[in-house]
Amino acid sequence: MRSSGVSQDNAPYFFPEVGETMNILDKLVQDPRGALAVLALAAFLEAWGDSFFQVGFYRSSGMGRVLALGSGAAVLAAYGSLVNVPRWDFGKLLGAYVVLFFLMAQLLNKVRFGQSPTPSIYAGGALIVAGGLVIAFWKQ
């Protein structure tokens, strides 16, 4: 895998070719642990990107707002790439993803904004986890 250098047409490159990235992610998501790791990273990126937008809209102004919104867009683009590059059936993994997103969002809410979950969020979260388990393990 190439990470930097000069391509055949003498143009510099700094990232792996798209095909190489797809092969890495495709291999990673074939293993359930790898798929879970990719889902957890995707959930973190989505929640983190959303938190930049919250900062941009409600907690900053001027250039800080522009930087927060731009950062949010970049992080959400990375999230979108991460979930769409692998050749997997994302719909089958949606239950696990929703649970991971809920957990990552609560973690980021606590770390970035100092807000702890309320009892109603814990109750709703228990239902989200239960629903995720139903989607993941229900055999038809």
Foldseek 3Di string as FASTA:
>chain_A
DDQWDADPVRHTDGHDDLVVVQVVLQVQCVDVVSVLVLLLLLLLLLLQLVVLCCCLPPPDDDPSNVVSPVVSVVSNVVSVCSVPSYPDDVVLQVLVSQLSNLVSNQVCCCVVVVDHDDPVSVVVSVVSNVSSCCSNPPDD
